[in-house]
Amino acid sequence: MSNQPLNQISEQMEKFFVAPGRAYSEMAVDHFTKLVDLQFEASKAYTDLAIGQMRAALDIKDVQDFTKYVEGQQKVVRELGDRMKDDTQKVVALSQAFVQDAQKLGQETAKKAPQAAKAK
């Protein structure tokens, strides 16, 4: 008795299920690694900004310092808004790239199915 049918089934399972699953998993791990790195970077930036504001508040000694601090808050709010907008755009771009890559992988796998059916 030959093992050829079992070998063919194993090859097809590898080609159509295992390999695409592995490729998708690698893409997902890369995506989540980039996402976590982005979140850590953003967290550090927001924390640095907050600590800077706390230090600036501690330096207030008179009315002039207070006025200067309050005026500086407009700049901080603007910087914070710009940073949040930029971080949101990065997350959206990262997610869109992941979706496109996943779709491309699915399309490539789907194209191989008819070829495998003909090979039988």
PDB file of N, CA and C in Angstrom:
ATOM      1  N   MET A   1       0.842  -1.185   0.000  1.00  0.00           N
ATOM      2  CA  MET A   1       0.000   0.000   0.000  1.00  0.00           C
ATOM      3  C   MET A   1       0.886   1.247   0.000  1.00  0.00           C
ATOM      4  N   SER A   2       0.547   2.194  -0.819  1.00  0.00           N
ATOM      5  CA  SER A   2       1.353   3.397  -1.012  1.00  0.00           C
ATOM      6  C   SER A   2       0.896   4.515  -0.073  1.00  0.00           C
ATOM      7  N   ASN A   3       1.843   5.315   0.335  1.00  0.00           N
ATOM      8  CA  ASN A   3       1.546   6.482   1.176  1.00  0.00           C
ATOM      9  C   ASN A   3       1.315   7.743   0.342  1.00  0.00           C
ATOM     10  N   GLN A   4       1.281   7.577  -0.975  1.00  0.00           N
ATOM     11  CA  GLN A   4       1.158   8.729  -1.860  1.00  0.00           C
ATOM     12  C   GLN A   4      -0.118   9.538  -1.597  1.00  0.00           C
ATOM     13  N   PRO A   5      -1.295   8.919  -1.438  1.00  0.00           N
ATOM     14  CA  PRO A   5      -2.486   9.741  -1.150  1.00  0.00           C
ATOM     15  C   PRO A   5      -2.355  10.523   0.158  1.00  0.00           C
ATOM     16  N   LEU A   6      -1.776   9.899   1.171  1.00  0.00           N
ATOM     17  CA  LEU A   6      -1.588  10.609   2.437  1.00  0.00           C
ATOM     18  C   LEU A   6      -0.583  11.754   2.287  1.00  0.00           C
ATOM     19  N   ASN A   7       0.457  11.518   1.506  1.00  0.00           N
ATOM     20  CA  ASN A   7       1.443  12.569   1.271  1.00  0.00           C
ATOM     21  C   ASN A   7       0.818  13.745   0.521  1.00  0.00           C
ATOM     22  N   GLN A   8      -0.038  13.432  -0.456  1.00  0.00           N
ATOM     23  CA  GLN A   8      -0.712  14.497  -1.207  1.00  0.00           C
ATOM     24  C   GLN A   8      -1.632  15.302  -0.299  1.00  0.00           C
ATOM     25  N   ILE A   9      -2.353  14.608   0.567  1.00  0.00           N
ATOM     26  CA  ILE A   9      -3.244  15.309   1.501  1.00  0.00           C
ATOM     27  C   ILE A   9      -2.423  16.185   2.443  1.00  0.00           C
ATOM     28  N   SER A  10      -1.319  15.665   2.942  1.00  0.00           N
ATOM     29  CA  SER A  10      -0.446  16.454   3.824  1.00  0.00           C
ATOM     30  C   SER A  10       0.101  17.680   3.118  1.00  0.00           C
ATOM     31  N   GLU A  11       0.520  17.501   1.881  1.00  0.00           N
ATOM     32  CA  GLU A  11       1.038  18.637   1.112  1.00  0.00           C
ATOM     33  C   GLU A  11      -0.039  19.691   0.899  1.00  0.00           C
ATOM     34  N   GLN A  12      -1.250  19.238   0.564  1.00  0.00           N
ATOM     35  CA  GLN A  12      -2.341  20.186   0.338  1.00  0.00           C
ATOM     36  C   GLN A  12      -2.727  20.900   1.637  1.00  0.00           C
ATOM     37  N   MET A  13      -2.747  20.178   2.738  1.00  0.00           N
ATOM     38  CA  MET A  13      -3.055  20.801   4.040  1.00  0.00           C
ATOM     39  C   MET A  13      -2.004  21.868   4.362  1.00  0.00           C
ATOM     40  N   GLU A  14      -0.748  21.528   4.134  1.00  0.00           N
ATOM     41  CA  GLU A  14       0.343  22.478   4.380  1.00  0.00           C
ATOM     42  C   GLU A  14       0.187  23.710   3.490  1.00  0.00           C
ATOM     43  N   LYS A  15      -0.085  23.476   2.214  1.00  0.00           N
ATOM     44  CA  LYS A  15      -0.148  24.554   1.227  1.00  0.00           C
ATOM     45  C   LYS A  15      -1.337  25.489   1.442  1.00  0.00           C
ATOM     46  N   PHE A  16      -2.493  24.917   1.790  1.00  0.00           N
ATOM     47  CA  PHE A  16      -3.720  25.733   1.835  1.00  0.00           C
ATOM     48  C   PHE A  16      -4.181  26.146   3.223  1.00  0.00           C
ATOM     49  N   PHE A  17      -3.682  25.494   4.249  1.00  0.00           N
ATOM     50  CA  PHE A  17      -4.129  25.842   5.594  1.00  0.00           C
ATOM     51  C   PHE A  17      -2.978  26.249   6.505  1.00  0.00           C
ATOM     52  N   VAL A  18      -1.976  25.407   6.596  1.00  0.00           N
ATOM     53  CA  VAL A  18      -0.894  25.650   7.548  1.00  0.00           C
ATOM     54  C   VAL A  18      -0.032  26.846   7.119  1.00  0.00           C
ATOM     55  N   ALA A  19       0.446  26.841   5.887  1.00  0.00           N
ATOM     56  CA  ALA A  19       1.320  27.931   5.418  1.00  0.00           C
ATOM     57  C   ALA A  19       0.606  29.296   5.446  1.00  0.00           C
ATOM     58  N   PRO A  20      -0.627  29.395   4.923  1.00  0.00           N
ATOM     59  CA  PRO A  20      -1.310  30.699   5.019  1.00  0.00           C
ATOM     60  C   PRO A  20      -1.590  31.103   6.470  1.00  0.00           C
ATOM     61  N   GLY A  21      -1.917  30.125   7.299  1.00  0.00           N
ATOM     62  CA  GLY A  21      -2.155  30.433   8.715  1.00  0.00           C
ATOM     63  C   GLY A  21      -0.899  30.956   9.389  1.00  0.00           C
ATOM     64  N   ARG A  22       0.218  30.342   9.074  1.00  0.00           N
ATOM     65  CA  ARG A  22       1.501  30.784   9.624  1.00  0.00           C
ATOM     66  C   ARG A  22       1.834  32.181   9.117  1.00  0.00           C
ATOM     67  N   ALA A  23       1.632  32.407   7.828  1.00  0.00           N
ATOM     68  CA  ALA A  23       1.926  33.729   7.250  1.00  0.00           C
ATOM     69  C   ALA A  23       1.046  34.806   7.893  1.00  0.00           C
ATOM     70  N   TYR A  24      -0.234  34.487   8.092  1.00  0.00           N
ATOM     71  CA  TYR A  24      -1.137  35.449   8.727  1.00  0.00           C
ATOM     72  C   TYR A  24      -0.705  35.720  10.168  1.00  0.00           C
ATOM     73  N   SER A  25      -0.332  34.666  10.872  1.00  0.00           N
ATOM     74  CA  SER A  25       0.112  34.823  12.262  1.00  0.00           C
ATOM     75  C   SER A  25       1.355  35.701  12.342  1.00  0.00           C
ATOM     76  N   GLU A  26       2.290  35.509  11.428  1.00  0.00           N
ATOM     77  CA  GLU A  26       3.486  36.351  11.412  1.00  0.00           C
ATOM     78  C   GLU A  26       3.131  37.808  11.145  1.00  0.00           C
ATOM     79  N   MET A  27       2.200  38.028  10.208  1.00  0.00           N
ATOM     80  CA  MET A  27       1.752  39.398   9.931  1.00  0.00           C
ATOM     81  C   MET A  27       1.107  40.005  11.166  1.00  0.00           C
ATOM     82  N   ALA A  28       0.279  39.216  11.844  1.00  0.00           N
ATOM     83  CA  ALA A  28      -0.419  39.720  13.026  1.00  0.00           C
ATOM     84  C   ALA A  28       0.568  40.074  14.137  1.00  0.00           C
ATOM     85  N   VAL A  29       1.550  39.219  14.364  1.00  0.00           N
ATOM     86  CA  VAL A  29       2.548  39.502  15.400  1.00  0.00           C
ATOM     87  C   VAL A  29       3.334  40.767  15.047  1.00  0.00           C
ATOM     88  N   ASP A  30       3.728  40.909  13.792  1.00  0.00           N
ATOM     89  CA  ASP A  30       4.438  42.126  13.365  1.00  0.00           C
ATOM     90  C   ASP A  30       3.565  43.360  13.563  1.00  0.00           C
ATOM     91  N   HIS A  31       2.293  43.246  13.195  1.00  0.00           N
ATOM     92  CA  HIS A  31       1.365  44.371  13.339  1.00  0.00           C
ATOM     93  C   HIS A  31       1.223  44.771  14.810  1.00  0.00           C
ATOM     94  N   PHE A  32       0.992  43.792  15.669  1.00  0.00           N
ATOM     95  CA  PHE A  32       0.794  44.107  17.079  1.00  0.00           C
ATOM     96  C   PHE A  32       2.072  44.614  17.734  1.00  0.00           C
ATOM     97  N   THR A  33       3.225  44.155  17.259  1.00  0.00           N
ATOM     98  CA  THR A  33       4.494  44.678  17.770  1.00  0.00           C
ATOM     99  C   THR A  33       4.624  46.158  17.416  1.00  0.00           C
ATOM    100  N   LYS A  34       4.326  46.505  16.183  1.00  0.00           N
ATOM    101  CA  LYS A  34       4.390  47.905  15.764  1.00  0.00           C
ATOM    102  C   LYS A  34       3.382  48.750  16.530  1.00  0.00           C
ATOM    103  N   LEU A  35       2.197  48.195  16.751  1.00  0.00           N
ATOM    104  CA  LEU A  35       1.156  48.921  17.475  1.00  0.00           C
ATOM    105  C   LEU A  35       1.566  49.179  18.926  1.00  0.00           C
ATOM    106  N   VAL A  36       2.124  48.175  19.571  1.00  0.00           N
ATOM    107  CA  VAL A  36       2.579  48.339  20.958  1.00  0.00           C
ATOM    108  C   VAL A  36       3.728  49.349  21.022  1.00  0.00           C
ATOM    109  N   ASP A  37       4.661  49.272  20.070  1.00  0.00           N
ATOM    110  CA  ASP A  37       5.757  50.247  20.035  1.00  0.00           C
ATOM    111  C   ASP A  37       5.218  51.665  19.896  1.00  0.00           C
ATOM    112  N   LEU A  38       4.231  51.831  19.041  1.00  0.00           N
ATOM    113  CA  LEU A  38       3.617  53.143  18.848  1.00  0.00           C
ATOM    114  C   LEU A  38       2.949  53.620  20.141  1.00  0.00           C
ATOM    115  N   GLN A  39       2.273  52.713  20.821  1.00  0.00           N
ATOM    116  CA  GLN A  39       1.607  53.079  22.068  1.00  0.00           C
ATOM    117  C   GLN A  39       2.613  53.461  23.160  1.00  0.00           C
ATOM    118  N   PHE A  40       3.725  52.725  23.240  1.00  0.00           N
ATOM    119  CA  PHE A  40       4.752  53.074  24.223  1.00  0.00           C
ATOM    120  C   PHE A  40       5.358  54.444  23.919  1.00  0.00           C
ATOM    121  N   GLU A  41       5.616  54.692  22.649  1.00  0.00           N
ATOM    122  CA  GLU A  41       6.174  55.975  22.238  1.00  0.00           C
ATOM    123  C   GLU A  41       5.214  57.112  22.601  1.00  0.00           C
ATOM    124  N   ALA A  42       3.942  56.921  22.295  1.00  0.00           N
ATOM    125  CA  ALA A  42       2.940  57.947  22.600  1.00  0.00           C
ATOM    126  C   ALA A  42       2.807  58.132  24.108  1.00  0.00           C
ATOM    127  N   SER A  43       2.793  57.045  24.832  1.00  0.00           N
ATOM    128  CA  SER A  43       2.684  57.110  26.290  1.00  0.00           C
ATOM    129  C   SER A  43       3.829  57.914  26.889  1.00  0.00           C
ATOM    130  N   LYS A  44       5.022  57.657  26.411  1.00  0.00           N
ATOM    131  CA  LYS A  44       6.187  58.387  26.919  1.00  0.00           C
ATOM    132  C   LYS A  44       6.069  59.873  26.603  1.00  0.00           C
ATOM    133  N   ALA A  45       5.652  60.177  25.384  1.00  0.00           N
ATOM    134  CA  ALA A  45       5.513  61.590  25.003  1.00  0.00           C
ATOM    135  C   ALA A  45       4.472  62.292  25.872  1.00  0.00           C
ATOM    136  N   TYR A  46       3.333  61.645  26.108  1.00  0.00           N
ATOM    137  CA  TYR A  46       2.286  62.257  26.923  1.00  0.00           C
ATOM    138  C   TYR A  46       2.726  62.391  28.380  1.00  0.00           C
ATOM    139  N   THR A  47       3.446  61.392  28.868  1.00  0.00           N
ATOM    140  CA  THR A  47       3.942  61.442  30.243  1.00  0.00           C
ATOM    141  C   THR A  47       4.971  62.558  30.396  1.00  0.00           C
ATOM    142  N   ASP A  48       5.894  62.659  29.439  1.00  0.00           N
ATOM    143  CA  ASP A  48       6.891  63.733  29.485  1.00  0.00           C
ATOM    144  C   ASP A  48       6.228  65.108  29.475  1.00  0.00           C
ATOM    145  N   LEU A  49       5.194  65.242  28.668  1.00  0.00           N
ATOM    146  CA  LEU A  49       4.467  66.505  28.598  1.00  0.00           C
ATOM    147  C   LEU A  49       3.809  66.818  29.944  1.00  0.00           C
ATOM    148  N   ALA A  50       3.173  65.839  30.534  1.00  0.00           N
ATOM    149  CA  ALA A  50       2.495  66.042  31.818  1.00  0.00           C
ATOM    150  C   ALA A  50       3.494  66.385  32.924  1.00  0.00           C
ATOM    151  N   ILE A  51       4.605  65.680  32.960  1.00  0.00           N
ATOM    152  CA  ILE A  51       5.616  65.962  33.985  1.00  0.00           C
ATOM    153  C   ILE A  51       6.210  67.353  33.778  1.00  0.00           C
ATOM    154  N   GLY A  52       6.425  67.717  32.524  1.00  0.00           N
ATOM    155  CA  GLY A  52       6.916  69.069  32.230  1.00  0.00           C
ATOM    156  C   GLY A  52       5.957  70.132  32.733  1.00  0.00           C
ATOM    157  N   GLN A  53       4.665  69.877  32.577  1.00  0.00           N
ATOM    158  CA  GLN A  53       3.663  70.835  33.061  1.00  0.00           C
ATOM    159  C   GLN A  53       3.638  70.899  34.585  1.00  0.00           C
ATOM    160  N   MET A  54       3.826  69.756  35.226  1.00  0.00           N
ATOM    161  CA  MET A  54       3.880  69.750  36.698  1.00  0.00           C
ATOM    162  C   MET A  54       5.089  70.544  37.190  1.00  0.00           C
ATOM    163  N   ARG A  55       6.221  70.335  36.519  1.00  0.00           N
ATOM    164  CA  ARG A  55       7.433  71.075  36.911  1.00  0.00           C
ATOM    165  C   ARG A  55       7.250  72.580  36.688  1.00  0.00           C
ATOM    166  N   ALA A  56       6.628  72.923  35.570  1.00  0.00           N
ATOM    167  CA  ALA A  56       6.382  74.341  35.285  1.00  0.00           C
ATOM    168  C   ALA A  56       5.460  74.944  36.344  1.00  0.00           C
ATOM    169  N   ALA A  57       4.471  74.178  36.787  1.00  0.00           N
ATOM    170  CA  ALA A  57       3.556  74.681  37.820  1.00  0.00           C
ATOM    171  C   ALA A  57       4.289  74.873  39.147  1.00  0.00           C
ATOM    172  N   LEU A  58       5.235  74.005  39.431  1.00  0.00           N
ATOM    173  CA  LEU A  58       6.009  74.137  40.671  1.00  0.00           C
ATOM    174  C   LEU A  58       6.933  75.353  40.661  1.00  0.00           C
ATOM    175  N   ASP A  59       7.261  75.842  39.479  1.00  0.00           N
ATOM    176  CA  ASP A  59       8.140  77.007  39.359  1.00  0.00           C
ATOM    177  C   ASP A  59       7.398  78.330  39.524  1.00  0.00           C
ATOM    178  N   ILE A  60       6.088  78.281  39.699  1.00  0.00           N
ATOM    179  CA  ILE A  60       5.301  79.519  39.853  1.00  0.00           C
ATOM    180  C   ILE A  60       5.589  80.112  41.226  1.00  0.00           C
ATOM    181  N   LYS A  61       6.074  81.370  41.199  1.00  0.00           N
ATOM    182  CA  LYS A  61       6.417  82.026  42.461  1.00  0.00           C
ATOM    183  C   LYS A  61       5.667  83.346  42.655  1.00  0.00           C
ATOM    184  N   ASP A  62       5.174  83.893  41.543  1.00  0.00           N
ATOM    185  CA  ASP A  62       4.448  85.162  41.632  1.00  0.00           C
ATOM    186  C   ASP A  62       3.407  85.241  40.519  1.00  0.00           C
ATOM    187  N   VAL A  63       2.716  86.365  40.447  1.00  0.00           N
ATOM    188  CA  VAL A  63       1.649  86.561  39.482  1.00  0.00           C
ATOM    189  C   VAL A  63       2.185  86.510  38.050  1.00  0.00           C
ATOM    190  N   GLN A  64       3.354  87.051  37.819  1.00  0.00           N
ATOM    191  CA  GLN A  64       3.939  87.032  36.475  1.00  0.00           C
ATOM    192  C   GLN A  64       4.232  85.590  36.033  1.00  0.00           C
ATOM    193  N   ASP A  65       4.768  84.786  36.942  1.00  0.00           N
ATOM    194  CA  ASP A  65       5.028  83.372  36.621  1.00  0.00           C
ATOM    195  C   ASP A  65       3.717  82.651  36.315  1.00  0.00           C
ATOM    196  N   PHE A  66       2.695  82.978  37.099  1.00  0.00           N
ATOM    197  CA  PHE A  66       1.401  82.338  36.880  1.00  0.00           C
ATOM    198  C   PHE A  66       0.830  82.727  35.516  1.00  0.00           C
ATOM    199  N   THR A  67       0.912  84.003  35.172  1.00  0.00           N
ATOM    200  CA  THR A  67       0.419  84.482  33.883  1.00  0.00           C
ATOM    201  C   THR A  67       1.171  83.801  32.742  1.00  0.00           C
ATOM    202  N   LYS A  68       2.477  83.719  32.878  1.00  0.00           N
ATOM    203  CA  LYS A  68       3.292  83.064  31.870  1.00  0.00           C
ATOM    204  C   LYS A  68       2.913  81.579  31.750  1.00  0.00           C
ATOM    205  N   TYR A  69       2.667  80.934  32.873  1.00  0.00           N
ATOM    206  CA  TYR A  69       2.278  79.518  32.875  1.00  0.00           C
ATOM    207  C   TYR A  69       0.944  79.331  32.148  1.00  0.00           C
ATOM    208  N   VAL A  70      -0.038  80.164  32.462  1.00  0.00           N
ATOM    209  CA  VAL A  70      -1.362  80.056  31.844  1.00  0.00           C
ATOM    210  C   VAL A  70      -1.268  80.308  30.339  1.00  0.00           C
ATOM    211  N   GLU A  71      -0.488  81.288  29.938  1.00  0.00           N
ATOM    212  CA  GLU A  71      -0.316  81.560  28.512  1.00  0.00           C
ATOM    213  C   GLU A  71       0.355  80.372  27.803  1.00  0.00           C
ATOM    214  N   GLY A  72       1.264  79.734  28.481  1.00  0.00           N
ATOM    215  CA  GLY A  72       1.946  78.571  27.913  1.00  0.00           C
ATOM    216  C   GLY A  72       1.029  77.372  27.743  1.00  0.00           C
ATOM    217  N   GLN A  73      -0.066  77.357  28.487  1.00  0.00           N
ATOM    218  CA  GLN A  73      -1.001  76.239  28.388  1.00  0.00           C
ATOM    219  C   GLN A  73      -1.636  76.145  27.008  1.00  0.00           C
ATOM    220  N   GLN A  74      -1.844  77.271  26.358  1.00  0.00           N
ATOM    221  CA  GLN A  74      -2.395  77.259  25.002  1.00  0.00           C
ATOM    222  C   GLN A  74      -1.459  76.511  24.055  1.00  0.00           C
ATOM    223  N   LYS A  75      -0.177  76.760  24.190  1.00  0.00           N
ATOM    224  CA  LYS A  75       0.814  76.078  23.355  1.00  0.00           C
ATOM    225  C   LYS A  75       0.809  74.576  23.663  1.00  0.00           C
ATOM    226  N   VAL A  76       0.730  74.228  24.928  1.00  0.00           N
ATOM    227  CA  VAL A  76       0.732  72.821  25.335  1.00  0.00           C
ATOM    228  C   VAL A  76      -0.494  72.107  24.783  1.00  0.00           C
ATOM    229  N   VAL A  77      -1.635  72.740  24.870  1.00  0.00           N
ATOM    230  CA  VAL A  77      -2.867  72.136  24.357  1.00  0.00           C
ATOM    231  C   VAL A  77      -2.767  71.944  22.849  1.00  0.00           C
ATOM    232  N   ARG A  78      -2.217  72.912  22.160  1.00  0.00           N
ATOM    233  CA  ARG A  78      -2.036  72.810  20.709  1.00  0.00           C
ATOM    234  C   ARG A  78      -1.079  71.657  20.369  1.00  0.00           C
ATOM    235  N   GLU A  79       0.040  71.571  21.095  1.00  0.00           N
ATOM    236  CA  GLU A  79       1.012  70.494  20.874  1.00  0.00           C
ATOM    237  C   GLU A  79       0.387  69.129  21.154  1.00  0.00           C
ATOM    238  N   LEU A  80      -0.388  69.068  22.230  1.00  0.00           N
ATOM    239  CA  LEU A  80      -1.050  67.812  22.595  1.00  0.00           C
ATOM    240  C   LEU A  80      -2.045  67.399  21.520  1.00  0.00           C
ATOM    241  N   GLY A  81      -2.814  68.340  21.029  1.00  0.00           N
ATOM    242  CA  GLY A  81      -3.778  68.046  19.957  1.00  0.00           C
ATOM    243  C   GLY A  81      -3.090  67.566  18.688  1.00  0.00           C
ATOM    244  N   ASP A  82      -1.988  68.232  18.332  1.00  0.00           N
ATOM    245  CA  ASP A  82      -1.228  67.821  17.139  1.00  0.00           C
ATOM    246  C   ASP A  82      -0.657  66.425  17.322  1.00  0.00           C
ATOM    247  N   ARG A  83      -0.134  66.153  18.507  1.00  0.00           N
ATOM    248  CA  ARG A  83       0.457  64.834  18.779  1.00  0.00           C
ATOM    249  C   ARG A  83      -0.613  63.746  18.706  1.00  0.00           C
ATOM    250  N   MET A  84      -1.772  64.010  19.286  1.00  0.00           N
ATOM    251  CA  MET A  84      -2.854  63.020  19.268  1.00  0.00           C
ATOM    252  C   MET A  84      -3.332  62.765  17.840  1.00  0.00           C
ATOM    253  N   LYS A  85      -3.428  63.827  17.057  1.00  0.00           N
ATOM    254  CA  LYS A  85      -3.832  63.685  15.653  1.00  0.00           C
ATOM    255  C   LYS A  85      -2.815  62.838  14.895  1.00  0.00           C
ATOM    256  N   ASP A  86      -1.541  63.125  15.092  1.00  0.00           N
ATOM    257  CA  ASP A  86      -0.469  62.381  14.426  1.00  0.00           C
ATOM    258  C   ASP A  86      -0.474  60.913  14.855  1.00  0.00           C
ATOM    259  N   ASP A  87      -0.637  60.665  16.151  1.00  0.00           N
ATOM    260  CA  ASP A  87      -0.664  59.283  16.644  1.00  0.00           C
ATOM    261  C   ASP A  87      -1.858  58.521  16.081  1.00  0.00           C
ATOM    262  N   THR A  88      -3.002  59.187  15.983  1.00  0.00           N
ATOM    263  CA  THR A  88      -4.193  58.551  15.423  1.00  0.00           C
ATOM    264  C   THR A  88      -3.971  58.199  13.957  1.00  0.00           C
ATOM    265  N   GLN A  89      -3.352  59.097  13.217  1.00  0.00           N
ATOM    266  CA  GLN A  89      -3.073  58.834  11.804  1.00  0.00           C
ATOM    267  C   GLN A  89      -2.106  57.651  11.646  1.00  0.00           C
ATOM    268  N   LYS A  90      -1.130  57.552  12.534  1.00  0.00           N
ATOM    269  CA  LYS A  90      -0.188  56.428  12.485  1.00  0.00           C
ATOM    270  C   LYS A  90      -0.903  55.100  12.734  1.00  0.00           C
ATOM    271  N   VAL A  91      -1.807  55.084  13.712  1.00  0.00           N
ATOM    272  CA  VAL A  91      -2.551  53.854  14.021  1.00  0.00           C
ATOM    273  C   VAL A  91      -3.442  53.469  12.848  1.00  0.00           C
ATOM    274  N   VAL A  92      -4.112  54.441  12.266  1.00  0.00           N
ATOM    275  CA  VAL A  92      -4.982  54.174  11.111  1.00  0.00           C
ATOM    276  C   VAL A  92      -4.170  53.625   9.941  1.00  0.00           C
ATOM    277  N   ALA A  93      -3.029  54.239   9.648  1.00  0.00           N
ATOM    278  CA  ALA A  93      -2.179  53.783   8.537  1.00  0.00           C
ATOM    279  C   ALA A  93      -1.659  52.374   8.802  1.00  0.00           C
ATOM    280  N   LEU A  94      -1.267  52.113  10.021  1.00  0.00           N
ATOM    281  CA  LEU A  94      -0.778  50.782  10.392  1.00  0.00           C
ATOM    282  C   LEU A  94      -1.878  49.742  10.230  1.00  0.00           C
ATOM    283  N   SER A  95      -3.063  50.070  10.666  1.00  0.00           N
ATOM    284  CA  SER A  95      -4.197  49.146  10.555  1.00  0.00           C
ATOM    285  C   SER A  95      -4.597  48.923   9.100  1.00  0.00           C
ATOM    286  N   GLN A  96      -4.596  49.970   8.311  1.00  0.00           N
ATOM    287  CA  GLN A  96      -4.933  49.831   6.892  1.00  0.00           C
ATOM    288  C   GLN A  96      -3.915  48.949   6.171  1.00  0.00           C
ATOM    289  N   ALA A  97      -2.653  49.108   6.490  1.00  0.00           N
ATOM    290  CA  ALA A  97      -1.614  48.280   5.867  1.00  0.00           C
ATOM    291  C   ALA A  97      -1.806  46.815   6.249  1.00  0.00           C
ATOM    292  N   PHE A  98      -2.162  46.575   7.497  1.00  0.00           N
ATOM    293  CA  PHE A  98      -2.395  45.202   7.949  1.00  0.00           C
ATOM    294  C   PHE A  98      -3.577  44.580   7.208  1.00  0.00           C
ATOM    295  N   VAL A  99      -4.658  45.321   7.087  1.00  0.00           N
ATOM    296  CA  VAL A  99      -5.846  44.812   6.388  1.00  0.00           C
ATOM    297  C   VAL A  99      -5.518  44.524   4.923  1.00  0.00           C
ATOM    298  N   GLN A 100      -4.804  45.420   4.287  1.00  0.00           N
ATOM    299  CA  GLN A 100      -4.433  45.214   2.878  1.00  0.00           C
ATOM    300  C   GLN A 100      -3.548  43.982   2.721  1.00  0.00           C
ATOM    301  N   ASP A 101      -2.592  43.810   3.614  1.00  0.00           N
ATOM    302  CA  ASP A 101      -1.709  42.639   3.542  1.00  0.00           C
ATOM    303  C   ASP A 101      -2.490  41.348   3.789  1.00  0.00           C
ATOM    304  N   ALA A 102      -3.430  41.388   4.725  1.00  0.00           N
ATOM    305  CA  ALA A 102      -4.249  40.201   5.004  1.00  0.00           C
ATOM    306  C   ALA A 102      -5.138  39.863   3.805  1.00  0.00           C
ATOM    307  N   GLN A 103      -5.707  40.882   3.167  1.00  0.00           N
ATOM    308  CA  GLN A 103      -6.525  40.649   1.979  1.00  0.00           C
ATOM    309  C   GLN A 103      -5.689  40.067   0.843  1.00  0.00           C
ATOM    310  N   LYS A 104      -4.498  40.599   0.675  1.00  0.00           N
ATOM    311  CA  LYS A 104      -3.603  40.109  -0.376  1.00  0.00           C
ATOM    312  C   LYS A 104      -3.253  38.642  -0.121  1.00  0.00           C
ATOM    313  N   LEU A 105      -2.963  38.298   1.115  1.00  0.00           N
ATOM    314  CA  LEU A 105      -2.664  36.907   1.465  1.00  0.00           C
ATOM    315  C   LEU A 105      -3.867  36.009   1.175  1.00  0.00           C
ATOM    316  N   GLY A 106      -5.054  36.468   1.521  1.00  0.00           N
ATOM    317  CA  GLY A 106      -6.273  35.696   1.251  1.00  0.00           C
ATOM    318  C   GLY A 106      -6.506  35.502  -0.237  1.00  0.00           C
ATOM    319  N   GLN A 107      -6.273  36.541  -1.011  1.00  0.00           N
ATOM    320  CA  GLN A 107      -6.450  36.447  -2.467  1.00  0.00           C
ATOM    321  C   GLN A 107      -5.435  35.492  -3.084  1.00  0.00           C
ATOM    322  N   GLU A 108      -4.199  35.563  -2.614  1.00  0.00           N
ATOM    323  CA  GLU A 108      -3.170  34.650  -3.138  1.00  0.00           C
ATOM    324  C   GLU A 108      -3.504  33.197  -2.814  1.00  0.00           C
ATOM    325  N   THR A 109      -3.995  32.967  -1.616  1.00  0.00           N
ATOM    326  CA  THR A 109      -4.373  31.612  -1.207  1.00  0.00           C
ATOM    327  C   THR A 109      -5.565  31.133  -2.028  1.00  0.00           C
ATOM    328  N   ALA A 110      -6.535  32.011  -2.258  1.00  0.00           N
ATOM    329  CA  ALA A 110      -7.713  31.648  -3.035  1.00  0.00           C
ATOM    330  C   ALA A 110      -7.355  31.334  -4.494  1.00  0.00           C
ATOM    331  N   LYS A 111      -6.362  32.036  -5.035  1.00  0.00           N
ATOM    332  CA  LYS A 111      -5.937  31.773  -6.417  1.00  0.00           C
ATOM    333  C   LYS A 111      -5.318  30.385  -6.568  1.00  0.00           C
ATOM    334  N   LYS A 112      -4.691  29.907  -5.502  1.00  0.00           N
ATOM    335  CA  LYS A 112      -4.025  28.608  -5.565  1.00  0.00           C
ATOM    336  C   LYS A 112      -5.010  27.441  -5.490  1.00  0.00           C
ATOM    337  N   ALA A 113      -6.184  27.655  -4.942  1.00  0.00           N
ATOM    338  CA  ALA A 113      -7.151  26.569  -4.758  1.00  0.00           C
ATOM    339  C   ALA A 113      -7.571  25.932  -6.067  1.00  0.00           C
ATOM    340  N   PRO A 114      -7.961  26.677  -7.091  1.00  0.00           N
ATOM    341  CA  PRO A 114      -8.356  26.034  -8.357  1.00  0.00           C
ATOM    342  C   PRO A 114      -7.198  25.244  -8.995  1.00  0.00           C
ATOM    343  N   GLN A 115      -5.999  25.762  -8.854  1.00  0.00           N
ATOM    344  CA  GLN A 115      -4.836  25.075  -9.412  1.00  0.00           C
ATOM    345  C   GLN A 115      -4.635  23.726  -8.733  1.00  0.00           C
ATOM    346  N   ALA A 116      -4.855  23.685  -7.440  1.00  0.00           N
ATOM    347  CA  ALA A 116      -4.686  22.436  -6.697  1.00  0.00           C
ATOM    348  C   ALA A 116      -5.775  21.438  -7.077  1.00  0.00           C
ATOM    349  N   ALA A 117      -6.983  21.937  -7.315  1.00  0.00           N
ATOM    350  CA  ALA A 117      -8.082  21.057  -7.696  1.00  0.00           C
ATOM    351  C   ALA A 117      -7.807  20.425  -9.063  1.00  0.00           C
ATOM    352  N   LYS A 118      -7.214  21.192  -9.957  1.00  0.00           N
ATOM    353  CA  LYS A 118      -6.876  20.682 -11.281  1.00  0.00           C
ATOM    354  C   LYS A 118      -5.739  19.660 -11.203  1.00  0.00           C
ATOM    355  N   ALA A 119      -4.853  19.805 -10.239  1.00  0.00           N
ATOM    356  CA  ALA A 119      -3.684  18.922 -10.105  1.00  0.00           C
ATOM    357  C   ALA A 119      -4.072  17.517  -9.699  1.00  0.00           C
ATOM    358  N   LYS A 120      -5.256  17.335  -9.138  1.00  0.00           N
ATOM    359  CA  LYS A 120      -5.688  16.004  -8.729  1.00  0.00           C
ATOM    360  C   LYS A 120      -5.843  15.189  -9.936  1.00  0.00           C
TER     361      LYS A 120
END
